[in-house]
Protein backbone atom coordinates (compact mmCIF):
# COMPACT_ATOMS: atom_id res chain seq x y z
CA UNK A 1 0.00 0.00 0.00
CA UNK A 2 1.39 3.39 -0.94
CA UNK A 3 1.97 6.21 1.50
CA UNK A 4 -0.98 8.02 -0.11
CA UNK A 5 -3.26 5.18 0.95
CA UNK A 6 -1.94 5.19 4.52
CA UNK A 7 -2.40 8.93 4.81
CA UNK A 8 -5.92 8.82 3.43
CA UNK A 9 -7.10 6.25 6.02
CA UNK A 10 -6.02 8.42 8.95
CA UNK A 11 -7.51 11.42 7.21
CA UNK A 12 -10.73 9.47 6.64
CA UNK A 13 -11.31 9.01 10.38
CA UNK A 14 -10.16 12.55 11.17
CA UNK A 15 -12.65 13.93 8.65
CA UNK A 16 -15.46 11.98 10.33
CA UNK A 17 -14.84 13.21 13.88
CA UNK A 18 -14.19 16.82 12.83
CA UNK A 19 -17.23 16.95 10.58
CA UNK A 20 -19.74 19.73 11.16
CA UNK A 21 -22.41 17.02 11.05
CA UNK A 22 -21.86 15.92 14.67
CA UNK A 23 -20.18 12.59 13.96
CA UNK A 24 -17.97 10.11 15.81
CA UNK A 25 -16.42 6.76 14.89
CA UNK A 26 -15.71 3.42 16.57
CA UNK A 27 -13.14 0.88 15.41
CA UNK A 28 -12.55 -2.61 16.79
CA UNK A 29 -9.20 -4.37 16.37
CA UNK A 30 -9.26 -8.15 16.69
CA UNK A 31 -6.59 -10.85 16.60
CA UNK A 32 -4.99 -13.43 18.82
CA UNK A 33 -2.43 -12.47 21.47
CA UNK A 34 0.91 -11.38 20.05
CA UNK A 35 -0.36 -10.30 16.64
CA UNK A 36 0.29 -6.61 17.17
CA UNK A 37 -3.14 -5.24 18.12
CA UNK A 38 -1.61 -2.69 20.49
CA UNK A 39 0.87 -1.51 17.87
CA UNK A 40 -1.94 -1.04 15.39
CA UNK A 41 -4.15 0.76 17.90
CA UNK A 42 -1.40 3.12 19.00
CA UNK A 43 -0.25 3.97 15.48
CA UNK A 44 -3.79 4.54 14.25
CA UNK A 45 -4.54 6.77 17.24
CA UNK A 46 -1.41 8.85 16.70
CA UNK A 47 -1.87 9.26 12.96
CA UNK A 48 -5.52 10.25 13.30
CA UNK A 49 -4.61 12.69 16.08
CA UNK A 50 -2.05 14.29 13.75
CA UNK A 51 -4.72 14.80 11.09
CA UNK A 52 -7.10 16.28 13.67
CA UNK A 53 -4.36 18.68 14.82
CA UNK A 54 -3.88 19.83 11.22
CA UNK A 55 -7.59 20.72 11.13
CA UNK A 56 -8.16 22.05 14.64
CA UNK A 57 -4.74 23.34 15.67
CA UNK A 58 -2.28 22.27 18.33
CA UNK A 59 -0.24 19.06 18.31
CA UNK A 60 -1.30 15.43 18.11
CA UNK A 61 -0.71 15.07 21.86
CA UNK A 62 -3.61 17.44 22.41
CA UNK A 63 -5.95 14.83 20.89
CA UNK A 64 -4.32 11.57 21.95
CA UNK A 65 -2.04 10.91 24.88
CA UNK A 66 -1.47 7.81 26.93
CA UNK A 67 -2.18 9.43 30.28
CA UNK A 68 -5.79 10.40 29.59
CA UNK A 69 -6.84 8.41 26.49
CA UNK A 70 -5.59 4.87 27.15
CA UNK A 71 -7.33 2.14 29.18
CA UNK A 72 -5.90 -1.39 29.46
CA UNK A 73 -8.33 -4.11 30.53
CA UNK A 74 -9.56 -2.68 33.83
CA UNK A 75 -13.13 -1.47 34.29
CA UNK A 76 -11.99 1.48 36.40
CA UNK A 77 -9.66 2.63 33.63
CA UNK A 78 -12.37 2.38 30.99
CA UNK A 79 -14.75 4.45 33.09
CA UNK A 80 -11.98 7.01 33.68
CA UNK A 81 -11.13 7.65 30.03
CA UNK A 82 -14.73 7.43 28.80
CA UNK A 83 -16.07 9.92 31.33
CA UNK A 84 -16.43 13.30 29.62
CA UNK A 85 -13.66 12.83 27.02
CA UNK A 86 -12.14 15.93 25.50
CA UNK A 87 -13.69 17.03 22.23
CA UNK A 88 -12.08 15.46 19.13
CA UNK A 89 -9.91 13.18 21.28
CA UNK A 90 -8.93 9.67 20.22
CA UNK A 91 -9.57 6.99 22.87
CA UNK A 92 -7.85 3.59 22.91
CA UNK A 93 -9.48 0.81 24.96
CA UNK A 94 -6.94 -2.02 24.90
CA UNK A 95 -8.02 -5.63 25.56
CA UNK A 96 -11.63 -4.62 26.10
CA UNK A 97 -12.74 -8.25 25.94
CA UNK A 98 -11.75 -8.73 29.58
CA UNK A 99 -13.74 -6.07 31.47
CA UNK A 100 -16.57 -5.89 28.91
CA UNK A 101 -16.94 -9.64 28.46
CA UNK A 102 -19.95 -10.67 26.39
CA UNK A 103 -20.65 -13.39 28.97
CA UNK A 104 -21.28 -10.63 31.54
CA UNK A 105 -23.59 -8.53 29.41
CA UNK A 106 -25.82 -7.70 32.37
CA UNK A 107 -22.97 -6.44 34.55
CA UNK A 108 -23.04 -2.86 35.81
CA UNK A 109 -19.84 -2.08 33.89
CA UNK A 110 -21.26 -3.28 30.58
CA UNK A 111 -24.52 -1.42 31.09
CA UNK A 112 -22.74 1.85 31.94
CA UNK A 113 -20.36 1.53 29.00
CA UNK A 114 -23.17 0.69 26.59
CA UNK A 115 -25.06 3.77 27.73
CA UNK A 116 -21.98 5.93 27.18
CA UNK A 117 -21.14 4.75 23.68
CA UNK A 118 -24.72 5.28 22.54
CA UNK A 119 -24.82 8.88 23.73
CA UNK A 120 -21.29 10.33 23.48
CA UNK A 121 -21.49 11.43 19.82
CA UNK A 122 -21.44 15.20 20.56
CA UNK A 123 -17.82 14.85 21.78
CA UNK A 124 -16.68 13.95 18.24
CA UNK A 125 -14.39 11.14 19.38
CA UNK A 126 -12.71 8.22 17.66
CA UNK A 127 -12.85 5.16 19.93
CA UNK A 128 -10.50 2.27 19.17
CA UNK A 129 -11.20 -1.04 20.95
CA UNK A 130 -9.04 -4.16 20.86
CA UNK A 131 -9.81 -7.77 21.80
CA UNK A 132 -8.52 -11.21 20.90
CA UNK A 133 -11.82 -11.97 19.15
CA UNK A 134 -14.89 -9.90 18.35
CA UNK A 135 -17.25 -12.26 20.17
CA UNK A 136 -15.42 -11.58 23.45
CA UNK A 137 -16.82 -8.05 23.46
CA UNK A 138 -20.29 -7.30 24.69
CA UNK A 139 -22.77 -7.31 21.80
CA UNK A 140 -23.47 -3.56 21.90
CA UNK A 141 -19.93 -2.24 21.31
CA UNK A 142 -19.04 -4.94 18.78
CA UNK A 143 -22.23 -4.19 16.80
CA UNK A 144 -22.08 -0.40 17.00
CA UNK A 145 -18.42 -0.30 15.90
CA UNK A 146 -18.50 0.79 12.29
CA UNK A 147 -15.13 -0.68 11.33
CA UNK A 148 -13.13 -3.83 12.05
CA UNK A 149 -9.38 -4.28 11.75
CA UNK A 150 -8.38 -7.95 11.85
CA UNK A 151 -4.69 -8.65 12.49
CA UNK A 152 -3.50 -11.43 10.18
CA UNK A 153 0.32 -11.28 10.11
CA UNK A 154 3.34 -9.45 11.46
CA UNK A 155 7.07 -9.01 11.10
CA UNK A 156 8.24 -7.41 14.30
CA UNK A 157 11.86 -7.43 13.08
CA UNK A 158 10.79 -5.12 10.27
CA UNK A 159 8.52 -3.21 12.65
CA UNK A 160 5.24 -3.92 10.88
CA UNK A 161 1.92 -5.65 11.47
CA UNK A 162 -0.55 -6.51 8.71
CA UNK A 163 -4.34 -6.41 8.94
CA UNK A 164 -7.55 -6.72 6.98
CA UNK A 165 -9.81 -3.67 7.09
CA UNK A 166 -13.59 -3.96 6.83
CA UNK A 167 -16.65 -1.89 7.48
CA UNK A 168 -19.25 -3.34 9.86
CA UNK A 169 -22.72 -3.13 8.33
CA UNK A 170 -25.81 -4.46 10.08
CA UNK A 171 -28.79 -5.46 7.98
CA UNK A 172 -31.53 -4.42 10.38
CA UNK A 173 -34.25 -6.45 8.69
CA UNK A 174 -32.36 -9.70 9.23
CA UNK A 175 -30.17 -8.75 12.17
CA UNK A 176 -27.12 -10.09 10.33
CA UNK A 177 -23.79 -8.28 10.12
CA UNK A 178 -21.79 -7.94 6.91
CA UNK A 179 -18.15 -6.95 6.53
CA UNK A 180 -17.52 -5.24 3.17
CA UNK A 181 -14.10 -3.81 2.37
CA UNK A 182 -13.69 -0.07 2.78
CA UNK A 183 -13.57 1.89 -0.48
CA UNK A 184 -11.72 5.19 -0.21
CA UNK A 185 -10.52 7.53 -2.95
CA UNK A 186 -10.90 4.77 -5.53
CA UNK A 187 -9.00 2.18 -3.48
CA UNK A 188 -10.36 -0.99 -1.93
CA UNK A 189 -8.67 -1.53 1.44
CA UNK A 190 -8.08 -5.29 1.52
CA UNK A 191 -4.89 -5.09 3.57
CA UNK A 192 -3.28 -2.44 5.73
CA UNK A 193 0.25 -2.23 7.12
CA UNK A 194 0.74 -0.67 10.55
CA UNK A 195 4.20 0.42 11.58
CA UNK A 196 5.69 0.29 15.06
CA UNK A 197 4.72 3.36 17.11
CA UNK A 198 7.47 5.80 18.09
CA UNK A 199 9.78 4.34 20.76
CA UNK A 200 8.90 6.96 23.36
CA UNK A 201 5.21 6.10 22.91
CA UNK A 202 5.64 2.31 22.99
CA UNK A 203 7.96 2.50 26.02
CA UNK A 204 5.49 4.68 27.93
CA UNK A 205 2.65 2.38 26.86
CA UNK A 206 4.37 -0.63 28.41
CA UNK A 207 4.81 1.23 31.70
CA UNK A 208 1.19 2.40 31.83
CA UNK A 209 -0.06 -1.06 30.86
CA UNK A 210 1.95 -2.65 33.69
CA UNK A 211 0.59 -0.08 36.16
CA UNK A 212 -2.98 -0.63 35.06
CA UNK A 213 -2.60 -4.40 35.22
CA UNK A 214 -1.33 -4.09 38.78
CA UNK A 215 -4.37 -2.01 39.72
CA UNK A 216 -6.61 -4.47 37.91
CA UNK A 217 -5.62 -7.19 40.35
CA UNK A 218 -7.65 -5.32 42.96
CA UNK A 219 -10.70 -5.70 40.67
CA UNK A 220 -10.12 -9.47 40.69
CA UNK A 221 -9.91 -9.69 36.90
CA UNK A 222 -7.28 -11.87 35.27
CA UNK A 223 -5.46 -10.84 32.08
CA UNK A 224 -6.97 -12.30 28.94
CA UNK A 225 -3.80 -14.22 28.09
CA UNK A 226 -4.12 -16.16 31.36
CA UNK A 227 -7.70 -17.28 30.74
CA UNK A 228 -6.81 -20.81 29.75
CA UNK A 229 -8.78 -23.15 31.97
CA UNK A 230 -11.55 -25.27 30.47
CA UNK A 231 -14.30 -23.51 32.40
CA UNK A 232 -13.13 -20.09 31.31
CA UNK A 233 -12.73 -21.28 27.73
CA UNK A 234 -16.32 -22.49 27.75
CA UNK A 235 -17.52 -19.11 29.02
CA UNK A 236 -15.59 -17.25 26.33
CA UNK A 237 -16.65 -19.51 23.48
CA UNK A 238 -20.33 -19.82 24.42
CA UNK A 239 -21.56 -16.45 23.02
CA UNK A 240 -20.04 -17.15 19.60
CA UNK A 241 -21.41 -20.71 19.43
CA UNK A 242 -24.91 -19.62 20.44
CA UNK A 243 -24.85 -16.70 18.04
CA UNK A 244 -23.86 -18.87 15.09
CA UNK A 245 -26.46 -21.49 16.09
CA UNK A 246 -29.20 -18.86 16.16
CA UNK A 247 -28.14 -17.79 12.66
CA UNK A 248 -28.71 -21.36 11.48
CA UNK A 249 -25.11 -22.49 11.02
CA UNK A 250 -24.47 -26.22 11.07
CA UNK A 251 -22.46 -27.79 13.88
CA UNK A 252 -19.58 -28.37 11.47
CA UNK A 253 -19.55 -24.74 10.33
CA UNK A 254 -19.78 -23.46 13.91
CA UNK A 255 -16.79 -25.59 14.90
CA UNK A 256 -14.84 -24.28 11.91
CA UNK A 257 -15.69 -20.62 12.51
CA UNK A 258 -15.00 -20.68 16.26
CA UNK A 259 -11.97 -22.95 15.92
CA UNK A 260 -13.08 -25.76 18.24
CA UNK A 261 -14.14 -29.39 17.88
CA UNK A 262 -17.70 -30.43 17.12
CA UNK A 263 -17.74 -32.16 20.51
CA UNK A 264 -17.20 -28.79 22.19
CA UNK A 265 -19.99 -27.28 20.08
CA UNK A 266 -22.36 -30.03 21.23
CA UNK A 267 -21.32 -29.57 24.85
CA UNK A 268 -21.89 -25.81 24.79
CA UNK A 269 -25.28 -26.19 23.14
CA UNK A 270 -26.30 -28.82 25.70
CA UNK A 271 -25.17 -26.68 28.63
CA UNK A 272 -27.36 -23.85 27.34
CA UNK A 273 -30.41 -26.00 26.74
CA UNK A 274 -30.10 -26.03 22.96
CA UNK A 275 -30.28 -29.22 20.97
CA UNK A 276 -27.66 -30.03 18.36
CA UNK A 277 -30.36 -31.81 16.36
CA UNK A 278 -30.38 -30.44 12.87
CA UNK A 279 -27.00 -28.85 13.52
CA UNK A 280 -24.74 -31.46 11.92
């Protein structure tokens, strides 16, 4: 992808949030641990903030900085950065699948967050959310997000991560979600290369992330990478399995899409009172 393409994507989001038509934007970044989601989120936030600064004045730090615009995993941190955000600011919610778990959709944290993201448009913000998989997020933020960046490859030695870029379009009559590629200035964005953020930013990010993880221990929430017991795996996989089942997918297709065995699909359906009959 040429530099012109890279510039136009950042400008695309900056144009949305600075529009006189009272707009905002939400982007979700998905991919397994170690694929470079944080790199992508940080670089996108910085580049968009630069474009906003060109339009509104000041420097990019006025619109995105790690001290006030970054939340890693913890519910307290999410509430802090989402409470009355500065106008035109870019917000990065890293590993949102932990505190806003789809399995806990009735939790007070999820309800508060869902209320915020449905009413914060007048602040003209870009909100970037990352998670290891889209189904880990509560249904409201993953559905409202208008764009999805899926990490598919990386070369950390070269300082790059590679992603697919799609719009998120809900067909309200059917309730199904479609993911068309983004067309911009005559280009179809099938792939996007994110570069490593500036060293001073990535170094500070690691410090803040460590501090927030330490505080998160008091909330009794474990980091997503450590959720590897069978019971926890069942909880994380259940929303995706049930969602695909409700859409009429066969047991084989569900297993393929979620990345588990058909035996696990049957077990999850049984535990939730759903028959696997007709789902073969």
